[in-house]
Amino acid sequence: MMNISHFLFLITLMGGTLISISANSWFSTWMGLEINLLSFIPLMTNSKNTLSTEATLKYFLIQALASITFLFSTTLMQIYSNSSISPTFINNLFITLISSTLLMKMGAAPFHFWFPGTMEGLSWKNCFILMTWQKIAPLVLLSYLIKMNSFTTMIVILSVMIGSLGGLNQTSLRKLLAYSSINHLGWMIAAMFCGENLWELYFIIYSFLTLAMICMFSTSQIFHINQNFMIYNKSQSFKLFLFLTLLSLGGLPPFLGFLPKWMVIQTLTSLYTLPMCTIMVMMTLITLFYYIRLSFTAFLLNYTQMKWNYITPSNNMMITLSSILASISLLGLPTYIMFFNFL
């Protein structure tokens, strides 16, 4: 159960994000980011989890470093805005610095080193907040600054490459979803080249699929890959929903997760960015490979299950919610296509 202090910190967490994305000055934006950071720290701490202290400290140090650099960069940008140095050079330099701090805050490559380790020490609820809500303010602020240049192209390519290759040898589901999040961040930043609406649609669908996955993992208390094979052998429908939603998160057609990737690929090809688009598709196929490998093994192999190893679900509401979300994920793309064809 969520106590009153956690509810208060959750409200201020949301308030800090809303302050950041609606501020009209960089200083107000920095204040909102700090409120958001200091609200999430108490939510991360958990006396029952020994890794939560390490994850909390790691998250705080990285975010504090990014916030200091952000404030320093915005202050210098104001000071040097009227200097005799070339304004174009100054503008590009500080936009790159500010973009780097925002990329560090949301864990995009090559500033991703803290992200998988922090995810490993969190509960599933906090993992969902870190992968979705905590990325809203940096993504919105980045969309104000982003330009299609060599720096942002490098960020997109590195994010999809590290997100794909980093998850190949992982046995922890939290780290697997962390690397998947880094991969999706690369696609979201690429979608910013195409327009405001496209990356927002991508983020909404990604958050929806992540919520469906985390509801299933949290309900059955699954944290590692080998637990997927042994839990819920008696409930074949739950296992079907679980792994098909995982494939949807990887972007396999005809599931809902393929829709935003389809739109990004179509728009990027019209912008003549074929080399970057080709690399993104190839790296995402690697992501899909380890999702399919996980699902294929779990579907085909029948593991012996002990009575004491079987976790009986205690929250029927969460199981119902998981099933509804998974059903929407499986049928979302055909429904979307039929809807627009009838229009």
C-alpha atoms as a PDB file:
ATOM      1  CA  MET A   1       0.000   0.000   0.000  1.00  0.00           C
ATOM      2  CA  MET A   2       1.153   3.563  -0.703  1.00  0.00           C
ATOM      3  CA  ASN A   3       1.349   5.650   2.455  1.00  0.00           C
ATOM      4  CA  ILE A   4       0.629   9.368   2.634  1.00  0.00           C
ATOM      5  CA  SER A   5       4.283  10.444   2.351  1.00  0.00           C
ATOM      6  CA  HIS A   6       4.779   8.421  -0.847  1.00  0.00           C
ATOM      7  CA  PHE A   7       1.620   9.956  -2.274  1.00  0.00           C
ATOM      8  CA  LEU A   8       2.920  13.443  -1.416  1.00  0.00           C
ATOM      9  CA  PHE A   9       6.272  12.772  -3.067  1.00  0.00           C
ATOM     10  CA  LEU A  10       4.492  11.383  -6.137  1.00  0.00           C
ATOM     11  CA  ILE A  11       2.464  14.591  -6.456  1.00  0.00           C
ATOM     12  CA  THR A  12       5.570  16.789  -6.163  1.00  0.00           C
ATOM     13  CA  LEU A  13       7.350  14.502  -8.650  1.00  0.00           C
ATOM     14  CA  MET A  14       4.644  15.206 -11.214  1.00  0.00           C
ATOM     15  CA  GLY A  15       4.589  18.884 -10.264  1.00  0.00           C
ATOM     16  CA  GLY A  16       8.326  19.252 -10.870  1.00  0.00           C
ATOM     17  CA  THR A  17       7.984  17.811 -14.364  1.00  0.00           C
ATOM     18  CA  LEU A  18       5.057  20.097 -15.172  1.00  0.00           C
ATOM     19  CA  ILE A  19       7.008  23.124 -13.918  1.00  0.00           C
ATOM     20  CA  SER A  20       9.949  22.208 -16.171  1.00  0.00           C
ATOM     21  CA  ILE A  21       7.965  21.739 -19.376  1.00  0.00           C
ATOM     22  CA  SER A  22       5.844  24.872 -18.843  1.00  0.00           C
ATOM     23  CA  ALA A  23       8.607  27.248 -17.649  1.00  0.00           C
ATOM     24  CA  ASN A  24       9.524  30.318 -19.687  1.00  0.00           C
ATOM     25  CA  SER A  25      13.139  30.577 -18.470  1.00  0.00           C
ATOM     26  CA  TRP A  26      16.038  28.170 -18.072  1.00  0.00           C
ATOM     27  CA  PHE A  27      16.273  28.907 -14.344  1.00  0.00           C
ATOM     28  CA  SER A  28      12.632  27.928 -13.786  1.00  0.00           C
ATOM     29  CA  THR A  29      13.262  24.792 -15.820  1.00  0.00           C
ATOM     30  CA  TRP A  30      16.225  23.928 -13.578  1.00  0.00           C
ATOM     31  CA  MET A  31      14.055  24.451 -10.478  1.00  0.00           C
ATOM     32  CA  GLY A  32      11.427  22.049 -11.834  1.00  0.00           C
ATOM     33  CA  LEU A  33      14.081  19.421 -12.582  1.00  0.00           C
ATOM     34  CA  GLU A  34      15.436  19.728  -9.030  1.00  0.00           C
ATOM     35  CA  ILE A  35      11.966  19.367  -7.488  1.00  0.00           C
ATOM     36  CA  ASN A  36      11.434  16.291  -9.625  1.00  0.00           C
ATOM     37  CA  LEU A  37      14.802  14.814  -8.562  1.00  0.00           C
ATOM     38  CA  LEU A  38      14.357  15.446  -4.837  1.00  0.00           C
ATOM     39  CA  SER A  39      10.848  13.955  -4.968  1.00  0.00           C
ATOM     40  CA  PHE A  40      11.974  10.737  -6.641  1.00  0.00           C
ATOM     41  CA  ILE A  41      14.833  10.030  -4.196  1.00  0.00           C
ATOM     42  CA  PRO A  42      12.514   9.121  -1.238  1.00  0.00           C
ATOM     43  CA  LEU A  43      10.394   6.949  -3.532  1.00  0.00           C
ATOM     44  CA  MET A  44      13.474   4.936  -4.523  1.00  0.00           C
ATOM     45  CA  THR A  45      14.563   4.022  -0.991  1.00  0.00           C
ATOM     46  CA  ASN A  46      13.383   0.653   0.282  1.00  0.00           C
ATOM     47  CA  SER A  47      14.602  -0.950   3.506  1.00  0.00           C
ATOM     48  CA  LYS A  48      13.734  -4.439   2.208  1.00  0.00           C
ATOM     49  CA  ASN A  49      15.964  -4.116  -0.852  1.00  0.00           C
ATOM     50  CA  THR A  50      19.695  -3.900  -0.161  1.00  0.00           C
ATOM     51  CA  LEU A  51      20.438  -2.645  -3.693  1.00  0.00           C
ATOM     52  CA  SER A  52      18.079   0.339  -3.399  1.00  0.00           C
ATOM     53  CA  THR A  53      20.564   2.416  -1.369  1.00  0.00           C
ATOM     54  CA  GLU A  54      23.267   1.988  -4.001  1.00  0.00           C
ATOM     55  CA  ALA A  55      20.784   2.756  -6.798  1.00  0.00           C
ATOM     56  CA  THR A  56      19.509   5.852  -4.973  1.00  0.00           C
ATOM     57  CA  LEU A  57      23.008   7.223  -4.377  1.00  0.00           C
ATOM     58  CA  LYS A  58      24.059   6.522  -7.966  1.00  0.00           C
ATOM     59  CA  TYR A  59      20.934   8.199  -9.336  1.00  0.00           C
ATOM     60  CA  PHE A  60      21.340  11.239  -7.075  1.00  0.00           C
ATOM     61  CA  LEU A  61      25.011  11.796  -7.988  1.00  0.00           C
ATOM     62  CA  ILE A  62      24.428  11.509 -11.737  1.00  0.00           C
ATOM     63  CA  GLN A  63      21.347  13.734 -11.693  1.00  0.00           C
ATOM     64  CA  ALA A  64      23.091  16.307  -9.476  1.00  0.00           C
ATOM     65  CA  LEU A  65      26.055  16.384 -11.891  1.00  0.00           C
ATOM     66  CA  ALA A  66      23.695  16.852 -14.836  1.00  0.00           C
ATOM     67  CA  SER A  67      21.769  19.598 -13.009  1.00  0.00           C
ATOM     68  CA  ILE A  68      24.964  21.478 -12.107  1.00  0.00           C
ATOM     69  CA  THR A  69      26.184  21.294 -15.703  1.00  0.00           C
ATOM     70  CA  PHE A  70      22.759  22.376 -16.959  1.00  0.00           C
ATOM     71  CA  LEU A  71      22.683  25.441 -14.681  1.00  0.00           C
ATOM     72  CA  PHE A  72      26.315  26.281 -15.503  1.00  0.00           C
ATOM     73  CA  SER A  73      25.687  26.023 -19.265  1.00  0.00           C
ATOM     74  CA  THR A  74      22.519  28.115 -19.256  1.00  0.00           C
ATOM     75  CA  THR A  75      24.191  30.799 -17.103  1.00  0.00           C
ATOM     76  CA  LEU A  76      27.217  31.018 -19.392  1.00  0.00           C
ATOM     77  CA  MET A  77      24.943  31.136 -22.432  1.00  0.00           C
ATOM     78  CA  GLN A  78      23.248  34.237 -21.019  1.00  0.00           C
ATOM     79  CA  ILE A  79      26.591  35.862 -20.146  1.00  0.00           C
ATOM     80  CA  TYR A  80      28.185  35.264 -23.538  1.00  0.00           C
ATOM     81  CA  SER A  81      25.080  36.013 -25.607  1.00  0.00           C
ATOM     82  CA  ASN A  82      26.191  39.634 -26.109  1.00  0.00           C
ATOM     83  CA  SER A  83      29.922  38.946 -26.450  1.00  0.00           C
ATOM     84  CA  SER A  84      32.106  39.706 -29.457  1.00  0.00           C
ATOM     85  CA  ILE A  85      32.619  35.994 -30.165  1.00  0.00           C
ATOM     86  CA  SER A  86      30.704  34.550 -33.108  1.00  0.00           C
ATOM     87  CA  PRO A  87      27.090  34.166 -31.913  1.00  0.00           C
ATOM     88  CA  THR A  88      26.556  31.090 -34.071  1.00  0.00           C
ATOM     89  CA  PHE A  89      29.536  29.319 -32.491  1.00  0.00           C
ATOM     90  CA  ILE A  90      28.442  30.284 -28.959  1.00  0.00           C
ATOM     91  CA  ASN A  91      24.871  29.209 -29.637  1.00  0.00           C
ATOM     92  CA  ASN A  92      25.861  25.809 -31.061  1.00  0.00           C
ATOM     93  CA  LEU A  93      28.362  25.191 -28.257  1.00  0.00           C
ATOM     94  CA  PHE A  94      25.909  25.816 -25.444  1.00  0.00           C
ATOM     95  CA  ILE A  95      23.050  24.000 -27.162  1.00  0.00           C
ATOM     96  CA  THR A  96      25.345  20.951 -27.385  1.00  0.00           C
ATOM     97  CA  LEU A  97      26.233  21.273 -23.682  1.00  0.00           C
ATOM     98  CA  ILE A  98      22.612  21.646 -22.575  1.00  0.00           C
ATOM     99  CA  SER A  99      21.524  18.753 -24.815  1.00  0.00           C
ATOM    100  CA  SER A 100      24.260  16.579 -23.270  1.00  0.00           C
ATOM    101  CA  THR A 101      22.978  17.265 -19.744  1.00  0.00           C
ATOM    102  CA  LEU A 102      19.427  16.400 -20.784  1.00  0.00           C
ATOM    103  CA  LEU A 103      20.647  13.184 -22.445  1.00  0.00           C
ATOM    104  CA  MET A 104      22.496  12.299 -19.231  1.00  0.00           C
ATOM    105  CA  LYS A 105      19.349  12.883 -17.191  1.00  0.00           C
ATOM    106  CA  MET A 106      17.290  10.428 -19.235  1.00  0.00           C
ATOM    107  CA  GLY A 107      20.078   7.883 -19.730  1.00  0.00           C
ATOM    108  CA  ALA A 108      20.649   8.058 -23.485  1.00  0.00           C
ATOM    109  CA  ALA A 109      23.937   6.761 -24.912  1.00  0.00           C
ATOM    110  CA  PRO A 110      26.801   7.558 -24.449  1.00  0.00           C
ATOM    111  CA  PHE A 111      25.665   8.895 -21.040  1.00  0.00           C
ATOM    112  CA  HIS A 112      23.888   5.643 -20.180  1.00  0.00           C
ATOM    113  CA  PHE A 113      26.326   3.924 -17.805  1.00  0.00           C
ATOM    114  CA  TRP A 114      24.314   4.680 -14.657  1.00  0.00           C
ATOM    115  CA  PHE A 115      20.958   3.584 -16.059  1.00  0.00           C
ATOM    116  CA  PRO A 116      21.040  -0.279 -16.058  1.00  0.00           C
ATOM    117  CA  GLY A 117      22.717  -0.431 -12.632  1.00  0.00           C
ATOM    118  CA  THR A 118      20.162   1.934 -11.130  1.00  0.00           C
ATOM    119  CA  MET A 119      17.281  -0.045 -12.638  1.00  0.00           C
ATOM    120  CA  GLU A 120      18.602  -3.253 -11.049  1.00  0.00           C
ATOM    121  CA  GLY A 121      18.143  -1.846  -7.548  1.00  0.00           C
ATOM    122  CA  LEU A 122      14.564  -0.593  -7.949  1.00  0.00           C
ATOM    123  CA  SER A 123      11.131  -2.115  -7.547  1.00  0.00           C
ATOM    124  CA  TRP A 124       8.970  -2.572 -10.627  1.00  0.00           C
ATOM    125  CA  LYS A 125       6.873   0.499  -9.748  1.00  0.00           C
ATOM    126  CA  ASN A 126       9.953   2.713  -9.549  1.00  0.00           C
ATOM    127  CA  CYS A 127      11.350   1.127 -12.719  1.00  0.00           C
ATOM    128  CA  PHE A 128       8.212   2.224 -14.548  1.00  0.00           C
ATOM    129  CA  ILE A 129       8.554   5.796 -13.223  1.00  0.00           C
ATOM    130  CA  LEU A 130      12.234   5.918 -14.188  1.00  0.00           C
ATOM    131  CA  MET A 131      11.624   4.566 -17.702  1.00  0.00           C
ATOM    132  CA  THR A 132       8.628   6.765 -18.512  1.00  0.00           C
ATOM    133  CA  TRP A 133       7.750   9.778 -16.341  1.00  0.00           C
ATOM    134  CA  GLN A 134      11.345  10.768 -15.550  1.00  0.00           C
ATOM    135  CA  LYS A 135      12.044  11.057 -19.279  1.00  0.00           C
ATOM    136  CA  ILE A 136       9.203  13.477 -20.039  1.00  0.00           C
ATOM    137  CA  ALA A 137      10.893  16.738 -18.938  1.00  0.00           C
ATOM    138  CA  PRO A 138      14.299  16.016 -20.578  1.00  0.00           C
ATOM    139  CA  LEU A 139      12.624  14.895 -23.811  1.00  0.00           C
ATOM    140  CA  VAL A 140      10.399  17.979 -24.001  1.00  0.00           C
ATOM    141  CA  LEU A 141      13.328  20.306 -23.282  1.00  0.00           C
ATOM    142  CA  LEU A 142      15.469  18.463 -25.829  1.00  0.00           C
ATOM    143  CA  SER A 143      12.755  18.878 -28.458  1.00  0.00           C
ATOM    144  CA  TYR A 144      13.086  22.686 -28.024  1.00  0.00           C
ATOM    145  CA  LEU A 145      16.808  22.568 -28.849  1.00  0.00           C
ATOM    146  CA  ILE A 146      17.325  19.660 -31.212  1.00  0.00           C
ATOM    147  CA  LYS A 147      18.717  20.135 -34.691  1.00  0.00           C
ATOM    148  CA  MET A 148      19.660  17.526 -37.256  1.00  0.00           C
ATOM    149  CA  ASN A 149      23.443  17.661 -37.119  1.00  0.00           C
ATOM    150  CA  SER A 150      26.354  15.277 -36.608  1.00  0.00           C
ATOM    151  CA  PHE A 151      26.031  15.382 -32.792  1.00  0.00           C
ATOM    152  CA  THR A 152      22.371  14.333 -32.636  1.00  0.00           C
ATOM    153  CA  THR A 153      22.876  11.773 -35.400  1.00  0.00           C
ATOM    154  CA  MET A 154      25.715  10.236 -33.373  1.00  0.00           C
ATOM    155  CA  ILE A 155      23.481  10.157 -30.265  1.00  0.00           C
ATOM    156  CA  VAL A 156      20.709   8.347 -32.167  1.00  0.00           C
ATOM    157  CA  ILE A 157      23.075   5.756 -33.658  1.00  0.00           C
ATOM    158  CA  LEU A 158      24.891   5.141 -30.354  1.00  0.00           C
ATOM    159  CA  SER A 159      21.609   4.774 -28.458  1.00  0.00           C
ATOM    160  CA  VAL A 160      20.151   2.186 -30.813  1.00  0.00           C
ATOM    161  CA  MET A 161      23.456   0.298 -31.003  1.00  0.00           C
ATOM    162  CA  ILE A 162      24.144   0.180 -27.242  1.00  0.00           C
ATOM    163  CA  GLY A 163      20.486  -0.521 -26.464  1.00  0.00           C
ATOM    164  CA  SER A 164      20.562  -3.480 -28.849  1.00  0.00           C
ATOM    165  CA  LEU A 165      23.978  -4.976 -28.118  1.00  0.00           C
ATOM    166  CA  GLY A 166      23.886  -4.334 -24.375  1.00  0.00           C
ATOM    167  CA  GLY A 167      20.851  -6.519 -23.819  1.00  0.00           C
ATOM    168  CA  LEU A 168      22.221  -9.617 -25.556  1.00  0.00           C
ATOM    169  CA  ASN A 169      23.932 -11.195 -22.522  1.00  0.00           C
ATOM    170  CA  GLN A 170      21.557  -9.989 -19.799  1.00  0.00           C
ATOM    171  CA  THR A 171      19.739 -12.377 -17.490  1.00  0.00           C
ATOM    172  CA  SER A 172      18.029  -9.703 -15.398  1.00  0.00           C
ATOM    173  CA  LEU A 173      14.724  -8.471 -16.774  1.00  0.00           C
ATOM    174  CA  ARG A 174      15.210  -5.035 -15.248  1.00  0.00           C
ATOM    175  CA  LYS A 175      18.511  -4.586 -17.076  1.00  0.00           C
ATOM    176  CA  LEU A 176      16.935  -5.996 -20.235  1.00  0.00           C
ATOM    177  CA  LEU A 177      14.178  -3.364 -20.081  1.00  0.00           C
ATOM    178  CA  ALA A 178      16.805  -0.709 -19.291  1.00  0.00           C
ATOM    179  CA  TYR A 179      18.739  -1.454 -22.485  1.00  0.00           C
ATOM    180  CA  SER A 180      15.443  -1.646 -24.361  1.00  0.00           C
ATOM    181  CA  SER A 181      14.634   1.823 -23.024  1.00  0.00           C
ATOM    182  CA  ILE A 182      17.987   3.146 -24.306  1.00  0.00           C
ATOM    183  CA  ASN A 183      17.162   1.691 -27.733  1.00  0.00           C
ATOM    184  CA  HIS A 184      13.730   3.309 -27.733  1.00  0.00           C
ATOM    185  CA  LEU A 185      15.283   6.624 -26.683  1.00  0.00           C
ATOM    186  CA  GLY A 186      17.308   6.572 -29.887  1.00  0.00           C
ATOM    187  CA  TRP A 187      14.100   6.144 -31.869  1.00  0.00           C
ATOM    188  CA  MET A 188      12.371   8.948 -29.935  1.00  0.00           C
ATOM    189  CA  ILE A 189      15.238  11.361 -30.584  1.00  0.00           C
ATOM    190  CA  ALA A 190      15.139  10.399 -34.273  1.00  0.00           C
ATOM    191  CA  ALA A 191      11.371  10.999 -34.224  1.00  0.00           C
ATOM    192  CA  MET A 192      12.069  14.569 -33.024  1.00  0.00           C
ATOM    193  CA  PHE A 193      13.616  15.246 -36.435  1.00  0.00           C
ATOM    194  CA  CYS A 194      10.259  14.380 -37.971  1.00  0.00           C
ATOM    195  CA  GLY A 195       8.032  16.571 -35.794  1.00  0.00           C
ATOM    196  CA  GLU A 196       6.562  17.132 -32.362  1.00  0.00           C
ATOM    197  CA  ASN A 197       3.565  14.836 -32.747  1.00  0.00           C
ATOM    198  CA  LEU A 198       5.542  11.785 -33.844  1.00  0.00           C
ATOM    199  CA  TRP A 199       7.893  11.510 -30.863  1.00  0.00           C
ATOM    200  CA  GLU A 200       4.988  12.182 -28.489  1.00  0.00           C
ATOM    201  CA  LEU A 201       3.001   9.344 -30.096  1.00  0.00           C
ATOM    202  CA  TYR A 202       6.077   7.098 -29.854  1.00  0.00           C
ATOM    203  CA  PHE A 203       6.512   7.954 -26.174  1.00  0.00           C
ATOM    204  CA  ILE A 204       2.832   7.304 -25.380  1.00  0.00           C
ATOM    205  CA  ILE A 205       2.845   3.879 -27.065  1.00  0.00           C
ATOM    206  CA  TYR A 206       6.191   2.987 -25.450  1.00  0.00           C
ATOM    207  CA  SER A 207       4.852   3.973 -22.002  1.00  0.00           C
ATOM    208  CA  PHE A 208       1.708   1.941 -22.605  1.00  0.00           C
ATOM    209  CA  LEU A 209       3.641  -1.199 -23.582  1.00  0.00           C
ATOM    210  CA  THR A 210       6.056  -0.734 -20.661  1.00  0.00           C
ATOM    211  CA  LEU A 211       3.102  -0.458 -18.278  1.00  0.00           C
ATOM    212  CA  ALA A 212       1.665  -3.710 -19.643  1.00  0.00           C
ATOM    213  CA  MET A 213       4.997  -5.522 -19.207  1.00  0.00           C
ATOM    214  CA  ILE A 214       5.633  -4.199 -15.718  1.00  0.00           C
ATOM    215  CA  CYS A 215       2.098  -5.044 -14.545  1.00  0.00           C
ATOM    216  CA  MET A 216       2.721  -8.661 -15.561  1.00  0.00           C
ATOM    217  CA  PHE A 217       6.199  -8.851 -14.036  1.00  0.00           C
ATOM    218  CA  SER A 218       5.065  -7.164 -10.824  1.00  0.00           C
ATOM    219  CA  THR A 219       2.001  -9.404 -10.453  1.00  0.00           C
ATOM    220  CA  SER A 220       4.035 -12.589 -10.748  1.00  0.00           C
ATOM    221  CA  GLN A 221       7.170 -11.178  -9.019  1.00  0.00           C
ATOM    222  CA  ILE A 222       9.452 -12.091 -11.938  1.00  0.00           C
ATOM    223  CA  PHE A 223      12.909 -10.491 -11.968  1.00  0.00           C
ATOM    224  CA  HIS A 224      15.102 -12.868 -14.020  1.00  0.00           C
ATOM    225  CA  ILE A 225      14.767 -14.664 -17.343  1.00  0.00           C
ATOM    226  CA  ASN A 226      14.808 -18.202 -15.911  1.00  0.00           C
ATOM    227  CA  GLN A 227      11.778 -17.385 -13.753  1.00  0.00           C
ATOM    228  CA  ASN A 228       9.745 -16.835 -16.908  1.00  0.00           C
ATOM    229  CA  PHE A 229      10.039 -20.509 -17.799  1.00  0.00           C
ATOM    230  CA  MET A 230       8.864 -21.867 -14.456  1.00  0.00           C
ATOM    231  CA  ILE A 231       6.134 -19.487 -13.309  1.00  0.00           C
ATOM    232  CA  TYR A 232       2.605 -19.712 -14.676  1.00  0.00           C
ATOM    233  CA  ASN A 233       2.965 -22.971 -16.548  1.00  0.00           C
ATOM    234  CA  LYS A 234      -0.580 -23.635 -15.361  1.00  0.00           C
ATOM    235  CA  SER A 235      -1.810 -20.403 -16.930  1.00  0.00           C
ATOM    236  CA  GLN A 236      -1.009 -20.616 -20.620  1.00  0.00           C
ATOM    237  CA  SER A 237      -3.020 -17.504 -21.501  1.00  0.00           C
ATOM    238  CA  PHE A 238      -0.982 -15.356 -19.099  1.00  0.00           C
ATOM    239  CA  LYS A 239       2.256 -16.683 -20.586  1.00  0.00           C
ATOM    240  CA  LEU A 240       0.915 -15.987 -24.095  1.00  0.00           C
ATOM    241  CA  PHE A 241       0.025 -12.396 -23.185  1.00  0.00           C
ATOM    242  CA  LEU A 242       3.371 -11.892 -21.454  1.00  0.00           C
ATOM    243  CA  PHE A 243       5.603 -12.899 -24.348  1.00  0.00           C
ATOM    244  CA  LEU A 244       3.474 -11.448 -27.128  1.00  0.00           C
ATOM    245  CA  THR A 245       3.574  -8.096 -25.312  1.00  0.00           C
ATOM    246  CA  LEU A 246       7.346  -8.487 -25.090  1.00  0.00           C
ATOM    247  CA  LEU A 247       7.451  -8.983 -28.872  1.00  0.00           C
ATOM    248  CA  SER A 248       5.240  -5.930 -29.287  1.00  0.00           C
ATOM    249  CA  LEU A 249       7.710  -3.889 -27.212  1.00  0.00           C
ATOM    250  CA  GLY A 250      10.453  -5.078 -29.563  1.00  0.00           C
ATOM    251  CA  GLY A 251       8.502  -3.764 -32.567  1.00  0.00           C
ATOM    252  CA  LEU A 252       7.418  -6.969 -34.289  1.00  0.00           C
ATOM    253  CA  PRO A 253       4.498  -6.553 -36.713  1.00  0.00           C
ATOM    254  CA  PRO A 254       1.525  -6.829 -36.533  1.00  0.00           C
ATOM    255  CA  PHE A 255       1.590  -5.687 -32.893  1.00  0.00           C
ATOM    256  CA  LEU A 256       1.072  -2.144 -31.624  1.00  0.00           C
ATOM    257  CA  GLY A 257       4.784  -1.567 -30.957  1.00  0.00           C
ATOM    258  CA  PHE A 258       5.480  -1.677 -34.687  1.00  0.00           C
ATOM    259  CA  LEU A 259       3.245   1.335 -35.411  1.00  0.00           C
ATOM    260  CA  PRO A 260       5.533   4.172 -34.150  1.00  0.00           C
ATOM    261  CA  LYS A 261       8.617   2.540 -35.698  1.00  0.00           C
ATOM    262  CA  TRP A 262       6.769   2.243 -38.992  1.00  0.00           C
ATOM    263  CA  MET A 263       5.873   5.939 -38.925  1.00  0.00           C
ATOM    264  CA  VAL A 264       9.414   7.007 -37.958  1.00  0.00           C
ATOM    265  CA  ILE A 265      10.956   4.894 -40.744  1.00  0.00           C
ATOM    266  CA  GLN A 266       8.531   6.296 -43.315  1.00  0.00           C
ATOM    267  CA  THR A 267       9.209   9.908 -42.267  1.00  0.00           C
ATOM    268  CA  LEU A 268      12.987   9.504 -42.035  1.00  0.00           C
ATOM    269  CA  THR A 269      13.174   8.024 -45.544  1.00  0.00           C
ATOM    270  CA  SER A 270      11.275  11.035 -46.869  1.00  0.00           C
ATOM    271  CA  LEU A 271      13.902  13.276 -45.206  1.00  0.00           C
ATOM    272  CA  TYR A 272      16.672  11.403 -47.100  1.00  0.00           C
ATOM    273  CA  THR A 273      18.386  10.096 -43.958  1.00  0.00           C
ATOM    274  CA  LEU A 274      18.684   6.571 -45.333  1.00  0.00           C
ATOM    275  CA  PRO A 275      22.060   5.609 -43.735  1.00  0.00           C
ATOM    276  CA  MET A 276      20.883   6.482 -40.210  1.00  0.00           C
ATOM    277  CA  CYS A 277      17.511   4.817 -40.802  1.00  0.00           C
ATOM    278  CA  THR A 278      19.209   1.638 -42.065  1.00  0.00           C
ATOM    279  CA  ILE A 279      21.440   1.414 -38.978  1.00  0.00           C
ATOM    280  CA  MET A 280      18.427   1.942 -36.695  1.00  0.00           C
ATOM    281  CA  VAL A 281      16.453  -0.853 -38.353  1.00  0.00           C
ATOM    282  CA  MET A 282      19.398  -3.265 -38.269  1.00  0.00           C
ATOM    283  CA  MET A 283      20.104  -2.617 -34.587  1.00  0.00           C
ATOM    284  CA  THR A 284      16.436  -2.984 -33.680  1.00  0.00           C
ATOM    285  CA  LEU A 285      16.431  -6.396 -35.365  1.00  0.00           C
ATOM    286  CA  ILE A 286      19.096  -7.420 -32.822  1.00  0.00           C
ATOM    287  CA  THR A 287      16.770  -6.254 -30.025  1.00  0.00           C
ATOM    288  CA  LEU A 288      13.989  -8.269 -31.556  1.00  0.00           C
ATOM    289  CA  PHE A 289      16.325 -11.261 -31.780  1.00  0.00           C
ATOM    290  CA  TYR A 290      16.811 -11.585 -28.032  1.00  0.00           C
ATOM    291  CA  TYR A 291      13.108 -10.978 -27.400  1.00  0.00           C
ATOM    292  CA  ILE A 292      12.232 -13.759 -29.852  1.00  0.00           C
ATOM    293  CA  ARG A 293      14.930 -16.022 -28.356  1.00  0.00           C
ATOM    294  CA  LEU A 294      13.410 -15.535 -24.901  1.00  0.00           C
ATOM    295  CA  SER A 295       9.832 -16.087 -26.094  1.00  0.00           C
ATOM    296  CA  PHE A 296      10.707 -19.045 -28.358  1.00  0.00           C
ATOM    297  CA  THR A 297      12.439 -20.903 -25.517  1.00  0.00           C
ATOM    298  CA  ALA A 298       9.645 -20.224 -23.040  1.00  0.00           C
ATOM    299  CA  PHE A 299       6.931 -21.349 -25.458  1.00  0.00           C
ATOM    300  CA  LEU A 300       8.575 -24.555 -26.681  1.00  0.00           C
ATOM    301  CA  LEU A 301      10.247 -25.918 -23.544  1.00  0.00           C
ATOM    302  CA  ASN A 302       8.120 -27.400 -20.786  1.00  0.00           C
ATOM    303  CA  TYR A 303       9.880 -27.037 -17.457  1.00  0.00           C
ATOM    304  CA  THR A 304       9.162 -29.187 -14.399  1.00  0.00           C
ATOM    305  CA  GLN A 305       7.455 -27.069 -11.815  1.00  0.00           C
ATOM    306  CA  MET A 306       7.577 -27.594  -8.063  1.00  0.00           C
ATOM    307  CA  LYS A 307       4.638 -26.847  -5.808  1.00  0.00           C
ATOM    308  CA  TRP A 308       6.723 -24.520  -3.648  1.00  0.00           C
ATOM    309  CA  ASN A 309       8.011 -22.634  -6.689  1.00  0.00           C
ATOM    310  CA  TYR A 310       4.582 -21.709  -7.957  1.00  0.00           C
ATOM    311  CA  ILE A 311       3.588 -18.170  -7.051  1.00  0.00           C
ATOM    312  CA  THR A 312      -0.170 -17.808  -6.785  1.00  0.00           C
ATOM    313  CA  PRO A 313      -1.284 -14.345  -7.866  1.00  0.00           C
ATOM    314  CA  SER A 314      -2.834 -12.420  -5.011  1.00  0.00           C
ATOM    315  CA  ASN A 315      -4.045  -9.341  -6.899  1.00  0.00           C
ATOM    316  CA  ASN A 316      -6.815 -10.244  -9.345  1.00  0.00           C
ATOM    317  CA  MET A 317      -7.252  -6.612 -10.316  1.00  0.00           C
ATOM    318  CA  MET A 318      -3.640  -6.423 -11.554  1.00  0.00           C
ATOM    319  CA  ILE A 319      -4.091  -9.639 -13.559  1.00  0.00           C
ATOM    320  CA  THR A 320      -7.234  -8.228 -15.189  1.00  0.00           C
ATOM    321  CA  LEU A 321      -5.454  -4.933 -15.957  1.00  0.00           C
ATOM    322  CA  SER A 322      -2.473  -6.814 -17.405  1.00  0.00           C
ATOM    323  CA  SER A 323      -4.732  -8.877 -19.651  1.00  0.00           C
ATOM    324  CA  ILE A 324      -6.606  -5.796 -20.917  1.00  0.00           C
ATOM    325  CA  LEU A 325      -3.380  -3.899 -21.641  1.00  0.00           C
ATOM    326  CA  ALA A 326      -1.864  -6.927 -23.393  1.00  0.00           C
ATOM    327  CA  SER A 327      -5.008  -7.390 -25.513  1.00  0.00           C
ATOM    328  CA  ILE A 328      -4.857  -3.753 -26.638  1.00  0.00           C
ATOM    329  CA  SER A 329      -1.163  -4.198 -27.406  1.00  0.00           C
ATOM    330  CA  LEU A 330      -1.838  -7.260 -29.567  1.00  0.00           C
ATOM    331  CA  LEU A 331      -4.789  -5.795 -31.465  1.00  0.00           C
ATOM    332  CA  GLY A 332      -3.758  -2.113 -31.525  1.00  0.00           C
ATOM    333  CA  LEU A 333      -2.127  -1.954 -34.960  1.00  0.00           C
ATOM    334  CA  PRO A 334      -4.911  -3.785 -36.903  1.00  0.00           C
ATOM    335  CA  THR A 335      -7.524  -1.646 -35.124  1.00  0.00           C
ATOM    336  CA  TYR A 336      -5.613   1.535 -35.979  1.00  0.00           C
ATOM    337  CA  ILE A 337      -5.317   0.565 -39.656  1.00  0.00           C
ATOM    338  CA  MET A 338      -8.988  -0.432 -39.915  1.00  0.00           C
ATOM    339  CA  PHE A 339     -10.077   2.808 -38.234  1.00  0.00           C
ATOM    340  CA  PHE A 340      -8.154   5.029 -40.665  1.00  0.00           C
ATOM    341  CA  ASN A 341      -9.178   2.952 -43.682  1.00  0.00           C
ATOM    342  CA  PHE A 342     -12.836   3.442 -42.791  1.00  0.00           C
ATOM    343  CA  LEU A 343     -12.242   7.170 -42.429  1.00  0.00           C
END
